[in-house]
PDB file of N, CA and C in Angstrom:
ATOM      1  N   MET A   1       0.841  -1.165   0.000  1.00  0.00           N
ATOM      2  CA  MET A   1       0.000   0.000   0.000  1.00  0.00           C
ATOM      3  C   MET A   1       0.896   1.242   0.000  1.00  0.00           C
ATOM      4  N   SER A   2       0.726   2.118  -0.984  1.00  0.00           N
ATOM      5  CA  SER A   2       1.567   3.300  -1.073  1.00  0.00           C
ATOM      6  C   SER A   2       0.701   4.551  -1.092  1.00  0.00           C
ATOM      7  N   ASN A   3       1.262   5.602  -0.573  1.00  0.00           N
ATOM      8  CA  ASN A   3       0.579   6.884  -0.552  1.00  0.00           C
ATOM      9  C   ASN A   3       1.086   7.708  -1.725  1.00  0.00           C
ATOM     10  N   THR A   4       0.329   7.736  -2.811  1.00  0.00           N
ATOM     11  CA  THR A   4       0.753   8.471  -3.991  1.00  0.00           C
ATOM     12  C   THR A   4       0.224   9.897  -3.992  1.00  0.00           C
ATOM     13  N   ASP A   5      -0.652  10.232  -3.036  1.00  0.00           N
ATOM     14  CA  ASP A   5      -1.220  11.573  -2.999  1.00  0.00           C
ATOM     15  C   ASP A   5      -0.310  12.583  -2.305  1.00  0.00           C
ATOM     16  N   GLY A   6       0.598  12.141  -1.482  1.00  0.00           N
ATOM     17  CA  GLY A   6       1.513  13.042  -0.806  1.00  0.00           C
ATOM     18  C   GLY A   6       0.795  14.006   0.110  1.00  0.00           C
ATOM     19  N   LEU A   7       0.991  15.306  -0.112  1.00  0.00           N
ATOM     20  CA  LEU A   7       0.386  16.322   0.738  1.00  0.00           C
ATOM     21  C   LEU A   7      -1.105  16.489   0.506  1.00  0.00           C
ATOM     22  N   GLN A   8      -1.650  15.879  -0.528  1.00  0.00           N
ATOM     23  CA  GLN A   8      -3.067  16.058  -0.832  1.00  0.00           C
ATOM     24  C   GLN A   8      -3.969  15.450   0.226  1.00  0.00           C
ATOM     25  N   THR A   9      -3.497  14.446   0.957  1.00  0.00           N
ATOM     26  CA  THR A   9      -4.343  13.786   1.946  1.00  0.00           C
ATOM     27  C   THR A   9      -4.272  14.444   3.322  1.00  0.00           C
ATOM     28  N   MET A  10      -3.399  15.403   3.514  1.00  0.00           N
ATOM     29  CA  MET A  10      -3.266  16.073   4.808  1.00  0.00           C
ATOM     30  C   MET A  10      -4.307  17.176   4.946  1.00  0.00           C
ATOM     31  N   PRO A  11      -4.684  17.479   6.172  1.00  0.00           N
ATOM     32  CA  PRO A  11      -5.565  18.628   6.382  1.00  0.00           C
ATOM     33  C   PRO A  11      -4.866  19.936   5.998  1.00  0.00           C
ATOM     34  N   VAL A  12      -5.656  20.947   5.679  1.00  0.00           N
ATOM     35  CA  VAL A  12      -5.107  22.232   5.232  1.00  0.00           C
ATOM     36  C   VAL A  12      -4.249  22.864   6.320  1.00  0.00           C
ATOM     37  N   ALA A  13      -4.674  22.781   7.574  1.00  0.00           N
ATOM     38  CA  ALA A  13      -3.892  23.378   8.665  1.00  0.00           C
ATOM     39  C   ALA A  13      -2.516  22.731   8.790  1.00  0.00           C
ATOM     40  N   THR A  14      -2.435  21.433   8.595  1.00  0.00           N
ATOM     41  CA  THR A  14      -1.148  20.741   8.666  1.00  0.00           C
ATOM     42  C   THR A  14      -0.242  21.176   7.529  1.00  0.00           C
ATOM     43  N   LYS A  15      -0.804  21.294   6.327  1.00  0.00           N
ATOM     44  CA  LYS A  15       0.005  21.738   5.182  1.00  0.00           C
ATOM     45  C   LYS A  15       0.507  23.165   5.377  1.00  0.00           C
ATOM     46  N   ARG A  16      -0.345  24.028   5.931  1.00  0.00           N
ATOM     47  CA  ARG A  16       0.088  25.404   6.186  1.00  0.00           C
ATOM     48  C   ARG A  16       1.179  25.447   7.248  1.00  0.00           C
ATOM     49  N   SER A  17       1.062  24.627   8.269  1.00  0.00           N
ATOM     50  CA  SER A  17       2.092  24.575   9.313  1.00  0.00           C
ATOM     51  C   SER A  17       3.423  24.105   8.746  1.00  0.00           C
ATOM     52  N   ILE A  18       3.384  23.103   7.894  1.00  0.00           N
ATOM     53  CA  ILE A  18       4.608  22.617   7.244  1.00  0.00           C
ATOM     54  C   ILE A  18       5.208  23.702   6.369  1.00  0.00           C
ATOM     55  N   ALA A  19       4.373  24.403   5.613  1.00  0.00           N
ATOM     56  CA  ALA A  19       4.862  25.453   4.725  1.00  0.00           C
ATOM     57  C   ALA A  19       5.521  26.585   5.512  1.00  0.00           C
ATOM     58  N   VAL A  20       4.892  27.029   6.595  1.00  0.00           N
ATOM     59  CA  VAL A  20       5.466  28.107   7.397  1.00  0.00           C
ATOM     60  C   VAL A  20       6.765  27.650   8.058  1.00  0.00           C
ATOM     61  N   THR A  21       6.815  26.412   8.508  1.00  0.00           N
ATOM     62  CA  THR A  21       8.039  25.877   9.102  1.00  0.00           C
ATOM     63  C   THR A  21       9.170  25.849   8.079  1.00  0.00           C
ATOM     64  N   LEU A  22       8.860  25.435   6.859  1.00  0.00           N
ATOM     65  CA  LEU A  22       9.883  25.416   5.807  1.00  0.00           C
ATOM     66  C   LEU A  22      10.372  26.822   5.481  1.00  0.00           C
ATOM     67  N   ILE A  23       9.466  27.782   5.459  1.00  0.00           N
ATOM     68  CA  ILE A  23       9.858  29.161   5.173  1.00  0.00           C
ATOM     69  C   ILE A  23      10.786  29.690   6.265  1.00  0.00           C
ATOM     70  N   VAL A  24      10.433  29.425   7.515  1.00  0.00           N
ATOM     71  CA  VAL A  24      11.270  29.887   8.632  1.00  0.00           C
ATOM     72  C   VAL A  24      12.636  29.212   8.596  1.00  0.00           C
ATOM     73  N   LEU A  25      12.662  27.899   8.369  1.00  0.00           N
ATOM     74  CA  LEU A  25      13.950  27.201   8.278  1.00  0.00           C
ATOM     75  C   LEU A  25      14.795  27.718   7.121  1.00  0.00           C
ATOM     76  N   GLY A  26      14.145  28.014   5.997  1.00  0.00           N
ATOM     77  CA  GLY A  26      14.871  28.567   4.855  1.00  0.00           C
ATOM     78  C   GLY A  26      15.500  29.906   5.171  1.00  0.00           C
ATOM     79  N   ILE A  27      14.745  30.764   5.868  1.00  0.00           N
ATOM     80  CA  ILE A  27      15.285  32.073   6.243  1.00  0.00           C
ATOM     81  C   ILE A  27      16.450  31.914   7.214  1.00  0.00           C
ATOM     82  N   VAL A  28      16.326  30.985   8.155  1.00  0.00           N
ATOM     83  CA  VAL A  28      17.411  30.758   9.123  1.00  0.00           C
ATOM     84  C   VAL A  28      18.667  30.259   8.403  1.00  0.00           C
ATOM     85  N   PHE A  29      18.501  29.313   7.492  1.00  0.00           N
ATOM     86  CA  PHE A  29      19.659  28.803   6.749  1.00  0.00           C
ATOM     87  C   PHE A  29      20.286  29.897   5.890  1.00  0.00           C
ATOM     88  N   LEU A  30      19.444  30.696   5.227  1.00  0.00           N
ATOM     89  CA  LEU A  30      19.975  31.780   4.398  1.00  0.00           C
ATOM     90  C   LEU A  30      20.732  32.802   5.233  1.00  0.00           C
ATOM     91  N   ALA A  31      20.116  33.257   6.301  1.00  0.00           N
ATOM     92  CA  ALA A  31      20.756  34.279   7.137  1.00  0.00           C
ATOM     93  C   ALA A  31      22.042  33.750   7.774  1.00  0.00           C
ATOM     94  N   GLY A  32      21.974  32.543   8.307  1.00  0.00           N
ATOM     95  CA  GLY A  32      23.166  31.965   8.916  1.00  0.00           C
ATOM     96  C   GLY A  32      24.275  31.727   7.916  1.00  0.00           C
ATOM     97  N   GLY A  33      23.919  31.190   6.764  1.00  0.00           N
ATOM     98  CA  GLY A  33      24.927  30.938   5.732  1.00  0.00           C
ATOM     99  C   GLY A  33      25.571  32.203   5.208  1.00  0.00           C
ATOM    100  N   ILE A  34      24.752  33.219   4.969  1.00  0.00           N
ATOM    101  CA  ILE A  34      25.303  34.486   4.462  1.00  0.00           C
ATOM    102  C   ILE A  34      26.169  35.158   5.513  1.00  0.00           C
ATOM    103  N   ALA A  35      25.684  35.192   6.755  1.00  0.00           N
ATOM    104  CA  ALA A  35      26.467  35.841   7.818  1.00  0.00           C
ATOM    105  C   ALA A  35      27.799  35.130   8.033  1.00  0.00           C
ATOM    106  N   TRP A  36      27.767  33.806   8.068  1.00  0.00           N
ATOM    107  CA  TRP A  36      29.003  33.063   8.292  1.00  0.00           C
ATOM    108  C   TRP A  36      29.942  33.185   7.099  1.00  0.00           C
ATOM    109  N   ASP A  37      29.379  33.192   5.895  1.00  0.00           N
ATOM    110  CA  ASP A  37      30.200  33.316   4.693  1.00  0.00           C
ATOM    111  C   ASP A  37      30.848  34.696   4.616  1.00  0.00           C
ATOM    112  N   LEU A  38      30.119  35.734   4.968  1.00  0.00           N
ATOM    113  CA  LEU A  38      30.678  37.085   4.910  1.00  0.00           C
ATOM    114  C   LEU A  38      31.704  37.349   6.003  1.00  0.00           C
ATOM    115  N   ASN A  39      31.656  36.581   7.077  1.00  0.00           N
ATOM    116  CA  ASN A  39      32.610  36.755   8.169  1.00  0.00           C
ATOM    117  C   ASN A  39      33.797  35.807   8.064  1.00  0.00           C
ATOM    118  N   GLY A  40      34.042  35.287   6.891  1.00  0.00           N
ATOM    119  CA  GLY A  40      35.243  34.487   6.666  1.00  0.00           C
ATOM    120  C   GLY A  40      35.100  33.023   6.981  1.00  0.00           C
ATOM    121  N   GLY A  41      33.929  32.485   6.829  1.00  0.00           N
ATOM    122  CA  GLY A  41      33.712  31.056   7.063  1.00  0.00           C
ATOM    123  C   GLY A  41      34.321  30.220   5.955  1.00  0.00           C
ATOM    124  N   PRO A  42      34.343  28.912   6.131  1.00  0.00           N
ATOM    125  CA  PRO A  42      34.893  28.038   5.094  1.00  0.00           C
ATOM    126  C   PRO A  42      34.049  28.079   3.815  1.00  0.00           C
ATOM    127  N   ALA A  43      34.624  27.636   2.730  1.00  0.00           N
ATOM    128  CA  ALA A  43      33.985  27.750   1.420  1.00  0.00           C
ATOM    129  C   ALA A  43      32.715  26.902   1.300  1.00  0.00           C
ATOM    130  N   PHE A  44      32.656  25.785   2.017  1.00  0.00           N
ATOM    131  CA  PHE A  44      31.482  24.923   1.876  1.00  0.00           C
ATOM    132  C   PHE A  44      30.224  25.545   2.480  1.00  0.00           C
ATOM    133  N   ILE A  45      30.379  26.614   3.258  1.00  0.00           N
ATOM    134  CA  ILE A  45      29.222  27.281   3.856  1.00  0.00           C
ATOM    135  C   ILE A  45      28.333  27.877   2.772  1.00  0.00           C
ATOM    136  N   HIS A  46      28.891  28.152   1.618  1.00  0.00           N
ATOM    137  CA  HIS A  46      28.086  28.675   0.506  1.00  0.00           C
ATOM    138  C   HIS A  46      26.951  27.712   0.158  1.00  0.00           C
ATOM    139  N   ALA A  47      27.161  26.446   0.396  1.00  0.00           N
ATOM    140  CA  ALA A  47      26.106  25.459   0.134  1.00  0.00           C
ATOM    141  C   ALA A  47      24.888  25.687   1.027  1.00  0.00           C
ATOM    142  N   PHE A  48      25.089  26.217   2.232  1.00  0.00           N
ATOM    143  CA  PHE A  48      23.971  26.499   3.124  1.00  0.00           C
ATOM    144  C   PHE A  48      23.030  27.548   2.531  1.00  0.00           C
ATOM    145  N   THR A  49      23.577  28.497   1.784  1.00  0.00           N
ATOM    146  CA  THR A  49      22.705  29.494   1.151  1.00  0.00           C
ATOM    147  C   THR A  49      21.851  28.845   0.076  1.00  0.00           C
ATOM    148  N   TRP A  50      22.406  27.883  -0.652  1.00  0.00           N
ATOM    149  CA  TRP A  50      21.628  27.158  -1.659  1.00  0.00           C
ATOM    150  C   TRP A  50      20.550  26.308  -1.002  1.00  0.00           C
ATOM    151  N   VAL A  51      20.904  25.624   0.063  1.00  0.00           N
ATOM    152  CA  VAL A  51      19.922  24.809   0.785  1.00  0.00           C
ATOM    153  C   VAL A  51      18.834  25.702   1.368  1.00  0.00           C
ATOM    154  N   GLY A  52      19.225  26.807   1.963  1.00  0.00           N
ATOM    155  CA  GLY A  52      18.256  27.734   2.525  1.00  0.00           C
ATOM    156  C   GLY A  52      17.316  28.298   1.476  1.00  0.00           C
ATOM    157  N   GLY A  53      17.860  28.632   0.314  1.00  0.00           N
ATOM    158  CA  GLY A  53      17.018  29.130  -0.772  1.00  0.00           C
ATOM    159  C   GLY A  53      16.044  28.078  -1.273  1.00  0.00           C
ATOM    160  N   ALA A  54      16.516  26.849  -1.372  1.00  0.00           N
ATOM    161  CA  ALA A  54      15.641  25.767  -1.842  1.00  0.00           C
ATOM    162  C   ALA A  54      14.535  25.473  -0.832  1.00  0.00           C
ATOM    163  N   VAL A  55      14.870  25.443   0.452  1.00  0.00           N
ATOM    164  CA  VAL A  55      13.871  25.181   1.485  1.00  0.00           C
ATOM    165  C   VAL A  55      12.860  26.318   1.546  1.00  0.00           C
ATOM    166  N   PHE A  56      13.335  27.560   1.435  1.00  0.00           N
ATOM    167  CA  PHE A  56      12.442  28.710   1.433  1.00  0.00           C
ATOM    168  C   PHE A  56      11.482  28.655   0.243  1.00  0.00           C
ATOM    169  N   ALA A  57      12.014  28.365  -0.936  1.00  0.00           N
ATOM    170  CA  ALA A  57      11.167  28.275  -2.131  1.00  0.00           C
ATOM    171  C   ALA A  57      10.159  27.136  -2.012  1.00  0.00           C
ATOM    172  N   TRP A  58      10.592  26.007  -1.473  1.00  0.00           N
ATOM    173  CA  TRP A  58       9.679  24.869  -1.283  1.00  0.00           C
ATOM    174  C   TRP A  58       8.546  25.250  -0.338  1.00  0.00           C
ATOM    175  N   GLY A  59       8.872  25.994   0.720  1.00  0.00           N
ATOM    176  CA  GLY A  59       7.860  26.456   1.655  1.00  0.00           C
ATOM    177  C   GLY A  59       6.868  27.413   1.013  1.00  0.00           C
ATOM    178  N   VAL A  60       7.362  28.324   0.188  1.00  0.00           N
ATOM    179  CA  VAL A  60       6.473  29.276  -0.496  1.00  0.00           C
ATOM    180  C   VAL A  60       5.555  28.543  -1.461  1.00  0.00           C
ATOM    181  N   VAL A  61       6.097  27.624  -2.231  1.00  0.00           N
ATOM    182  CA  VAL A  61       5.277  26.863  -3.180  1.00  0.00           C
ATOM    183  C   VAL A  61       4.239  26.023  -2.445  1.00  0.00           C
ATOM    184  N   THR A  62       4.630  25.411  -1.341  1.00  0.00           N
ATOM    185  CA  THR A  62       3.685  24.615  -0.551  1.00  0.00           C
ATOM    186  C   THR A  62       2.576  25.499   0.000  1.00  0.00           C
ATOM    187  N   LEU A  63       2.927  26.688   0.466  1.00  0.00           N
ATOM    188  CA  LEU A  63       1.923  27.608   0.997  1.00  0.00           C
ATOM    189  C   LEU A  63       0.955  28.065  -0.090  1.00  0.00           C
ATOM    190  N   VAL A  64       1.465  28.359  -1.271  1.00  0.00           N
ATOM    191  CA  VAL A  64       0.604  28.793  -2.376  1.00  0.00           C
ATOM    192  C   VAL A  64      -0.311  27.662  -2.824  1.00  0.00           C
ATOM    193  N   THR A  65       0.219  26.473  -2.977  1.00  0.00           N
ATOM    194  CA  THR A  65      -0.622  25.352  -3.412  1.00  0.00           C
ATOM    195  C   THR A  65      -1.631  24.965  -2.343  1.00  0.00           C
ATOM    196  N   THR A  66      -1.271  25.158  -1.074  1.00  0.00           N
ATOM    197  CA  THR A  66      -2.227  24.896  -0.002  1.00  0.00           C
ATOM    198  C   THR A  66      -3.370  25.891  -0.056  1.00  0.00           C
ATOM    199  N   ARG A  67      -3.067  27.114  -0.345  1.00  0.00           N
ATOM    200  CA  ARG A  67      -4.103  28.146  -0.437  1.00  0.00           C
ATOM    201  C   ARG A  67      -4.999  27.919  -1.637  1.00  0.00           C
ATOM    202  N   ARG A  68      -4.423  27.467  -2.734  1.00  0.00           N
ATOM    203  CA  ARG A  68      -5.199  27.284  -3.962  1.00  0.00           C
ATOM    204  C   ARG A  68      -6.047  26.031  -3.964  1.00  0.00           C
ATOM    205  N   SER A  69      -5.638  24.999  -3.215  1.00  0.00           N
ATOM    206  CA  SER A  69      -6.368  23.740  -3.263  1.00  0.00           C
ATOM    207  C   SER A  69      -7.816  23.842  -2.773  1.00  0.00           C
ATOM    208  N   PRO A  70      -8.130  24.619  -1.706  1.00  0.00           N
ATOM    209  CA  PRO A  70      -9.548  24.718  -1.326  1.00  0.00           C
ATOM    210  C   PRO A  70     -10.388  25.510  -2.343  1.00  0.00           C
ATOM    211  N   LEU A  71      -9.736  26.311  -3.157  1.00  0.00           N
ATOM    212  CA  LEU A  71     -10.471  27.123  -4.129  1.00  0.00           C
ATOM    213  C   LEU A  71     -10.891  26.325  -5.358  1.00  0.00           C
ATOM    214  N   GLN A  72     -10.284  25.175  -5.568  1.00  0.00           N
ATOM    215  CA  GLN A  72     -10.601  24.385  -6.774  1.00  0.00           C
ATOM    216  C   GLN A  72     -11.801  23.511  -6.577  1.00  0.00           C
TER     217      GLN A  72
END
């Protein structure tokens, strides 16, 4: 038995909570990565900005799709 619906089977409040959590984590990763990189951190810290950007974007997309799903 597999769950092919993914986030579609979750309640709207749960999806919104996940989306906001992802957005906050993305901002934390971005801010931390940029601050550490600008203060002379190691070169691999640049990857944290990419991860933070991806998590932030995933959170925004999840929030938008969560908002649009009840309207359909």
